Amino acid sequence: MATISEIAKDIKDTFGSSIINATQAGQYLGMCREKRGEFLASVPVYRTGKEKKYHALDIARRLETVRRYESYGTYSFRG
């Protein structure tokens, strides 16, 4: 399994920035709009102009939280 820093680096390498929007986050995570919204609900938001942005490290930390819940058999995006 990838570490938090490896995931954050991969996001940065994929999009050329550590700060990405919700659409890019959904593309990276492979989630539809609804699930993406549930996943990102607890990720800190950076407002830069018209859209919300998310830091790659925060997304990676959220993924780690989900992985921990799944490993204990209580998978939930609301973690």
Protein backbone atom coordinates (compact mmCIF):
# COMPACT_ATOMS: atom_id res chain seq x y z
CA MET A 1 0.00 0.00 0.00
CA ALA A 2 1.13 3.51 -0.79
CA THR A 3 1.95 5.91 2.02
CA ILE A 4 0.23 9.26 2.49
CA SER A 5 3.21 11.12 1.06
CA GLU A 6 3.41 8.77 -1.95
CA ILE A 7 -0.28 9.33 -2.73
CA ALA A 8 0.11 13.11 -2.39
CA LYS A 9 3.12 13.03 -4.71
CA ASP A 10 1.22 10.95 -7.24
CA ILE A 11 -1.65 13.45 -7.23
CA LYS A 12 0.83 16.29 -7.75
CA ASP A 13 2.58 14.42 -10.57
CA THR A 14 -0.75 13.55 -12.21
CA PHE A 15 -2.19 17.08 -12.22
CA GLY A 16 0.93 19.22 -12.02
CA SER A 17 -0.19 20.80 -8.75
CA SER A 18 -0.74 19.86 -5.12
CA ILE A 19 -3.97 21.87 -5.10
CA ILE A 20 -6.74 20.32 -7.22
CA ASN A 21 -10.45 20.90 -7.75
CA ALA A 22 -13.29 18.46 -7.04
CA THR A 23 -13.48 17.22 -10.63
CA GLN A 24 -9.79 16.34 -10.63
CA ALA A 25 -10.15 14.67 -7.24
CA GLY A 26 -13.02 12.58 -8.59
CA GLN A 27 -10.98 11.60 -11.63
CA TYR A 28 -8.06 10.57 -9.46
CA LEU A 29 -10.26 8.64 -7.04
CA GLY A 30 -12.43 7.10 -9.75
CA MET A 31 -15.63 8.28 -8.09
CA CYS A 32 -18.89 9.56 -9.48
CA ARG A 33 -20.00 13.07 -8.51
CA GLU A 34 -22.20 11.90 -5.61
CA LYS A 35 -19.58 9.67 -3.97
CA ARG A 36 -16.88 12.26 -4.61
CA GLY A 37 -18.97 14.80 -2.70
CA GLU A 38 -19.42 12.44 0.23
CA PHE A 39 -15.69 11.66 0.28
CA LEU A 40 -14.59 15.30 0.07
CA ALA A 41 -17.12 16.55 2.65
CA SER A 42 -14.61 16.09 5.46
CA VAL A 43 -11.54 17.29 3.53
CA PRO A 44 -10.43 20.90 4.22
CA VAL A 45 -11.37 23.31 1.41
CA TYR A 46 -9.25 26.08 -0.07
CA ARG A 47 -11.34 28.72 -1.82
CA THR A 48 -9.43 30.14 -4.75
CA GLY A 49 -11.73 32.24 -6.84
CA LYS A 50 -14.88 30.51 -8.03
CA GLU A 51 -14.14 26.91 -7.13
CA LYS A 52 -13.24 24.87 -4.10
CA LYS A 53 -9.77 23.34 -4.13
CA TYR A 54 -8.31 20.50 -2.11
CA HIS A 55 -4.72 19.87 -1.10
CA ALA A 56 -3.27 16.53 -2.24
CA LEU A 57 -1.98 15.78 1.26
CA ASP A 58 -5.47 16.24 2.74
CA ILE A 59 -6.96 13.90 0.13
CA ALA A 60 -4.25 11.33 0.87
CA ARG A 61 -4.96 11.56 4.60
CA ARG A 62 -8.67 11.02 3.91
CA LEU A 63 -7.84 7.95 1.84
CA GLU A 64 -5.85 6.59 4.78
CA THR A 65 -8.88 7.06 7.03
CA VAL A 66 -11.10 5.17 4.60
CA ARG A 67 -8.52 2.39 4.31
CA ARG A 68 -8.48 1.97 8.09
CA TYR A 69 -12.28 1.72 8.27
CA GLU A 70 -12.37 -0.79 5.44
CA SER A 71 -9.74 -2.96 7.10
CA TYR A 72 -11.95 -3.24 10.19
CA GLY A 73 -15.04 -4.08 8.14
CA THR A 74 -16.92 -0.85 8.81
CA TYR A 75 -16.30 0.98 5.53
CA SER A 76 -17.89 4.44 5.37
CA PHE A 77 -17.08 7.71 3.63
CA ARG A 78 -18.31 9.57 6.69
CA GLY A 79 -15.45 8.13 8.78
